[in-house]
Amino acid sequence: EFDVNPMDIRTLAERSSSNDALACPAGICAVPADFDSPAFAVPVEQLLTIAESVIGAEPRTKIVAKDMDMPQIVFVQRSRILQFPDTVWVQGVKSGTGSSVIIFSRSNYGDLDLGVNRRRVRDWLGKLTQRIETAGPGN
């Protein structure tokens, strides 16, 4: 079985760029990120509530773990045809007076994902940003 346990992504020591993707605020993660995560004008708790709603609505996606002390939600999204599982960690972090998000998506099987994880991280980050900007602070 594959790992779906919460982990502090900020301290991730290594990653394989061939079958994973990472979005992280500049200077937060120990390994280089593929995308810089923006700062949001909402508290971390609200950010994760919104992330749970937005990402939980994605096709073939389910929550498999939560650690609100970290704070983090772990999702598994399965591929459309072959149902291969990819694990995605979504971790909230403080950023100035608001928050930001770290998203780490990894294929559980195979060494090459054909860009699926990068597209997922970019798309989910965009959807999350759009939902927070549309809702505005305090909504």
C-alpha atoms as a PDB file:
ATOM      1  CA  GLU A   1       0.000   0.000   0.000  1.00  0.00           C
ATOM      2  CA  PHE A   2       1.096   3.586  -0.547  1.00  0.00           C
ATOM      3  CA  ASP A   3       1.794   6.347   1.967  1.00  0.00           C
ATOM      4  CA  VAL A   4      -1.101   8.686   2.767  1.00  0.00           C
ATOM      5  CA  ASN A   5       0.091   9.812   6.195  1.00  0.00           C
ATOM      6  CA  PRO A   6       0.323  13.526   6.988  1.00  0.00           C
ATOM      7  CA  MET A   7       3.885  14.881   6.795  1.00  0.00           C
ATOM      8  CA  ASP A   8       5.384  18.325   7.147  1.00  0.00           C
ATOM      9  CA  ILE A   9       6.067  19.142   3.510  1.00  0.00           C
ATOM     10  CA  ARG A  10       8.304  22.070   4.508  1.00  0.00           C
ATOM     11  CA  THR A  11      10.927  19.548   5.633  1.00  0.00           C
ATOM     12  CA  LEU A  12      10.693  17.231   2.620  1.00  0.00           C
ATOM     13  CA  ALA A  13      14.323  16.226   1.998  1.00  0.00           C
ATOM     14  CA  GLU A  14      14.102  15.021  -1.584  1.00  0.00           C
ATOM     15  CA  ARG A  15      11.661  14.610  -4.427  1.00  0.00           C
ATOM     16  CA  SER A  16      11.523  13.130  -7.897  1.00  0.00           C
ATOM     17  CA  SER A  17      10.596  15.734 -10.477  1.00  0.00           C
ATOM     18  CA  SER A  18       9.569  12.984 -12.916  1.00  0.00           C
ATOM     19  CA  ASN A  19       6.468  11.885 -10.982  1.00  0.00           C
ATOM     20  CA  ASP A  20       5.641  14.612  -8.478  1.00  0.00           C
ATOM     21  CA  ALA A  21       4.935  18.343  -8.266  1.00  0.00           C
ATOM     22  CA  LEU A  22       5.231  20.960  -5.540  1.00  0.00           C
ATOM     23  CA  ALA A  23       3.734  24.404  -4.956  1.00  0.00           C
ATOM     24  CA  CYS A  24       5.201  26.270  -2.000  1.00  0.00           C
ATOM     25  CA  PRO A  25       5.572  29.887  -0.873  1.00  0.00           C
ATOM     26  CA  ALA A  26       9.069  31.208  -1.638  1.00  0.00           C
ATOM     27  CA  GLY A  27      11.645  30.301   1.011  1.00  0.00           C
ATOM     28  CA  ILE A  28       9.408  27.917   3.004  1.00  0.00           C
ATOM     29  CA  CYS A  29      10.213  24.451   1.634  1.00  0.00           C
ATOM     30  CA  ALA A  30      13.591  22.708   1.912  1.00  0.00           C
ATOM     31  CA  VAL A  31      13.426  21.483  -1.711  1.00  0.00           C
ATOM     32  CA  PRO A  32      12.823  23.614  -4.825  1.00  0.00           C
ATOM     33  CA  ALA A  33       9.174  24.082  -5.803  1.00  0.00           C
ATOM     34  CA  ASP A  34       7.649  23.954  -9.280  1.00  0.00           C
ATOM     35  CA  PHE A  35       5.265  26.809  -8.438  1.00  0.00           C
ATOM     36  CA  ASP A  36       5.274  29.690  -5.934  1.00  0.00           C
ATOM     37  CA  SER A  37       2.132  29.742  -3.804  1.00  0.00           C
ATOM     38  CA  PRO A  38       0.558  33.169  -3.275  1.00  0.00           C
ATOM     39  CA  ALA A  39      -0.353  34.724   0.057  1.00  0.00           C
ATOM     40  CA  PHE A  40      -4.061  34.855   0.916  1.00  0.00           C
ATOM     41  CA  ALA A  41      -5.847  37.346   3.157  1.00  0.00           C
ATOM     42  CA  VAL A  42      -7.562  34.588   5.160  1.00  0.00           C
ATOM     43  CA  PRO A  43      -6.480  32.648   8.271  1.00  0.00           C
ATOM     44  CA  VAL A  44      -4.924  29.196   7.817  1.00  0.00           C
ATOM     45  CA  GLU A  45      -8.027  27.446   9.190  1.00  0.00           C
ATOM     46  CA  GLN A  46     -10.281  29.187   6.658  1.00  0.00           C
ATOM     47  CA  LEU A  47      -7.838  28.401   3.852  1.00  0.00           C
ATOM     48  CA  LEU A  48      -7.991  24.688   4.663  1.00  0.00           C
ATOM     49  CA  THR A  49     -11.789  24.744   4.923  1.00  0.00           C
ATOM     50  CA  ILE A  50     -11.926  26.273   1.441  1.00  0.00           C
ATOM     51  CA  ALA A  51      -9.314  23.784   0.165  1.00  0.00           C
ATOM     52  CA  GLU A  52     -11.351  20.884   1.535  1.00  0.00           C
ATOM     53  CA  SER A  53     -14.424  22.149  -0.332  1.00  0.00           C
ATOM     54  CA  VAL A  54     -12.676  23.028  -3.618  1.00  0.00           C
ATOM     55  CA  ILE A  55     -10.405  19.990  -3.848  1.00  0.00           C
ATOM     56  CA  GLY A  56     -12.935  17.591  -2.361  1.00  0.00           C
ATOM     57  CA  ALA A  57     -15.204  18.440  -5.316  1.00  0.00           C
ATOM     58  CA  GLU A  58     -12.598  17.323  -7.868  1.00  0.00           C
ATOM     59  CA  PRO A  59     -13.463  14.117  -9.758  1.00  0.00           C
ATOM     60  CA  ARG A  60     -12.301  10.779  -8.290  1.00  0.00           C
ATOM     61  CA  THR A  61     -10.849  12.588  -5.246  1.00  0.00           C
ATOM     62  CA  LYS A  62     -11.331  11.719  -1.591  1.00  0.00           C
ATOM     63  CA  ILE A  63      -9.905  12.825   1.731  1.00  0.00           C
ATOM     64  CA  VAL A  64      -7.838  10.058   3.294  1.00  0.00           C
ATOM     65  CA  ALA A  65      -6.264  11.876   6.279  1.00  0.00           C
ATOM     66  CA  LYS A  66      -6.391  15.137   8.226  1.00  0.00           C
ATOM     67  CA  ASP A  67      -4.017  16.610  10.772  1.00  0.00           C
ATOM     68  CA  MET A  68      -5.339  19.960  11.924  1.00  0.00           C
ATOM     69  CA  ASP A  69      -2.359  20.462  14.260  1.00  0.00           C
ATOM     70  CA  MET A  70       0.005  20.522  11.251  1.00  0.00           C
ATOM     71  CA  PRO A  71      -2.504  21.745   9.594  1.00  0.00           C
ATOM     72  CA  GLN A  72      -2.905  19.460   6.595  1.00  0.00           C
ATOM     73  CA  ILE A  73      -5.414  17.492   4.532  1.00  0.00           C
ATOM     74  CA  VAL A  74      -4.322  14.474   2.491  1.00  0.00           C
ATOM     75  CA  PHE A  75      -6.260  13.544  -0.650  1.00  0.00           C
ATOM     76  CA  VAL A  76      -6.073  10.644  -3.081  1.00  0.00           C
ATOM     77  CA  GLN A  77      -7.129  11.294  -6.655  1.00  0.00           C
ATOM     78  CA  ARG A  78      -7.454   8.336  -9.023  1.00  0.00           C
ATOM     79  CA  SER A  79      -6.770   8.488 -12.749  1.00  0.00           C
ATOM     80  CA  ARG A  80      -9.831   8.463 -14.960  1.00  0.00           C
ATOM     81  CA  ILE A  81      -9.296   5.252 -16.914  1.00  0.00           C
ATOM     82  CA  LEU A  82      -6.936   2.961 -14.993  1.00  0.00           C
ATOM     83  CA  GLN A  83      -7.813   4.314 -11.522  1.00  0.00           C
ATOM     84  CA  PHE A  84      -4.158   4.719 -10.480  1.00  0.00           C
ATOM     85  CA  PRO A  85      -3.978   6.585  -7.139  1.00  0.00           C
ATOM     86  CA  ASP A  86      -1.955   9.786  -6.676  1.00  0.00           C
ATOM     87  CA  THR A  87      -1.530  11.237  -3.194  1.00  0.00           C
ATOM     88  CA  VAL A  88      -1.830  14.995  -2.676  1.00  0.00           C
ATOM     89  CA  TRP A  89      -0.867  16.758   0.550  1.00  0.00           C
ATOM     90  CA  VAL A  90      -2.373  20.225   1.111  1.00  0.00           C
ATOM     91  CA  GLN A  91      -0.773  22.088   4.014  1.00  0.00           C
ATOM     92  CA  GLY A  92      -1.679  25.526   5.317  1.00  0.00           C
ATOM     93  CA  VAL A  93       1.059  27.880   6.525  1.00  0.00           C
ATOM     94  CA  LYS A  94       1.016  31.368   8.010  1.00  0.00           C
ATOM     95  CA  SER A  95       2.067  34.128   5.631  1.00  0.00           C
ATOM     96  CA  GLY A  96       2.251  37.650   7.013  1.00  0.00           C
ATOM     97  CA  THR A  97      -1.177  38.432   8.457  1.00  0.00           C
ATOM     98  CA  GLY A  98      -2.824  35.729   6.320  1.00  0.00           C
ATOM     99  CA  SER A  99      -1.916  32.327   5.000  1.00  0.00           C
ATOM    100  CA  SER A 100      -0.520  30.377   2.098  1.00  0.00           C
ATOM    101  CA  VAL A 101      -0.682  26.783   0.964  1.00  0.00           C
ATOM    102  CA  ILE A 102       1.792  24.044   0.147  1.00  0.00           C
ATOM    103  CA  ILE A 103       0.526  21.440  -2.307  1.00  0.00           C
ATOM    104  CA  PHE A 104       2.587  18.302  -2.958  1.00  0.00           C
ATOM    105  CA  SER A 105       1.235  15.777  -5.454  1.00  0.00           C
ATOM    106  CA  ARG A 106       2.939  12.444  -6.058  1.00  0.00           C
ATOM    107  CA  SER A 107       2.243   9.399  -8.201  1.00  0.00           C
ATOM    108  CA  ASN A 108       2.185   6.227  -6.143  1.00  0.00           C
ATOM    109  CA  TYR A 109       3.062   3.931  -9.040  1.00  0.00           C
ATOM    110  CA  GLY A 110       5.473   4.394 -11.926  1.00  0.00           C
ATOM    111  CA  ASP A 111       8.421   6.666 -12.541  1.00  0.00           C
ATOM    112  CA  LEU A 112       6.900   8.985 -15.130  1.00  0.00           C
ATOM    113  CA  ASP A 113       3.555  10.772 -14.822  1.00  0.00           C
ATOM    114  CA  LEU A 114       3.544  12.656 -18.172  1.00  0.00           C
ATOM    115  CA  GLY A 115       2.999  15.971 -16.362  1.00  0.00           C
ATOM    116  CA  VAL A 116      -0.195  14.930 -14.560  1.00  0.00           C
ATOM    117  CA  ASN A 117       0.993  16.051 -11.106  1.00  0.00           C
ATOM    118  CA  ARG A 118       2.242  19.436 -12.387  1.00  0.00           C
ATOM    119  CA  ARG A 119      -1.081  20.091 -14.116  1.00  0.00           C
ATOM    120  CA  ARG A 120      -3.012  19.028 -11.012  1.00  0.00           C
ATOM    121  CA  VAL A 121      -1.014  21.261  -8.664  1.00  0.00           C
ATOM    122  CA  ARG A 122      -1.245  24.231 -11.038  1.00  0.00           C
ATOM    123  CA  ASP A 123      -4.989  23.715 -11.576  1.00  0.00           C
ATOM    124  CA  TRP A 124      -5.825  23.180  -7.909  1.00  0.00           C
ATOM    125  CA  LEU A 125      -3.755  26.198  -6.890  1.00  0.00           C
ATOM    126  CA  GLY A 126      -5.620  28.265  -9.496  1.00  0.00           C
ATOM    127  CA  LYS A 127      -9.046  27.041  -8.356  1.00  0.00           C
ATOM    128  CA  LEU A 128      -8.171  27.699  -4.723  1.00  0.00           C
ATOM    129  CA  THR A 129      -6.892  31.197  -5.548  1.00  0.00           C
ATOM    130  CA  GLN A 130     -10.009  31.970  -7.577  1.00  0.00           C
ATOM    131  CA  ARG A 131     -12.360  30.779  -4.806  1.00  0.00           C
ATOM    132  CA  ILE A 132     -10.577  32.833  -2.125  1.00  0.00           C
ATOM    133  CA  GLU A 133     -10.381  35.968  -4.293  1.00  0.00           C
ATOM    134  CA  THR A 134     -14.062  35.597  -5.240  1.00  0.00           C
ATOM    135  CA  ALA A 135     -15.179  35.060  -1.651  1.00  0.00           C
ATOM    136  CA  GLY A 136     -12.997  37.798  -0.185  1.00  0.00           C
ATOM    137  CA  PRO A 137     -11.696  37.876   3.400  1.00  0.00           C
ATOM    138  CA  GLY A 138     -14.111  36.805   6.076  1.00  0.00           C
ATOM    139  CA  ASN A 139     -16.419  34.921   3.663  1.00  0.00           C
END
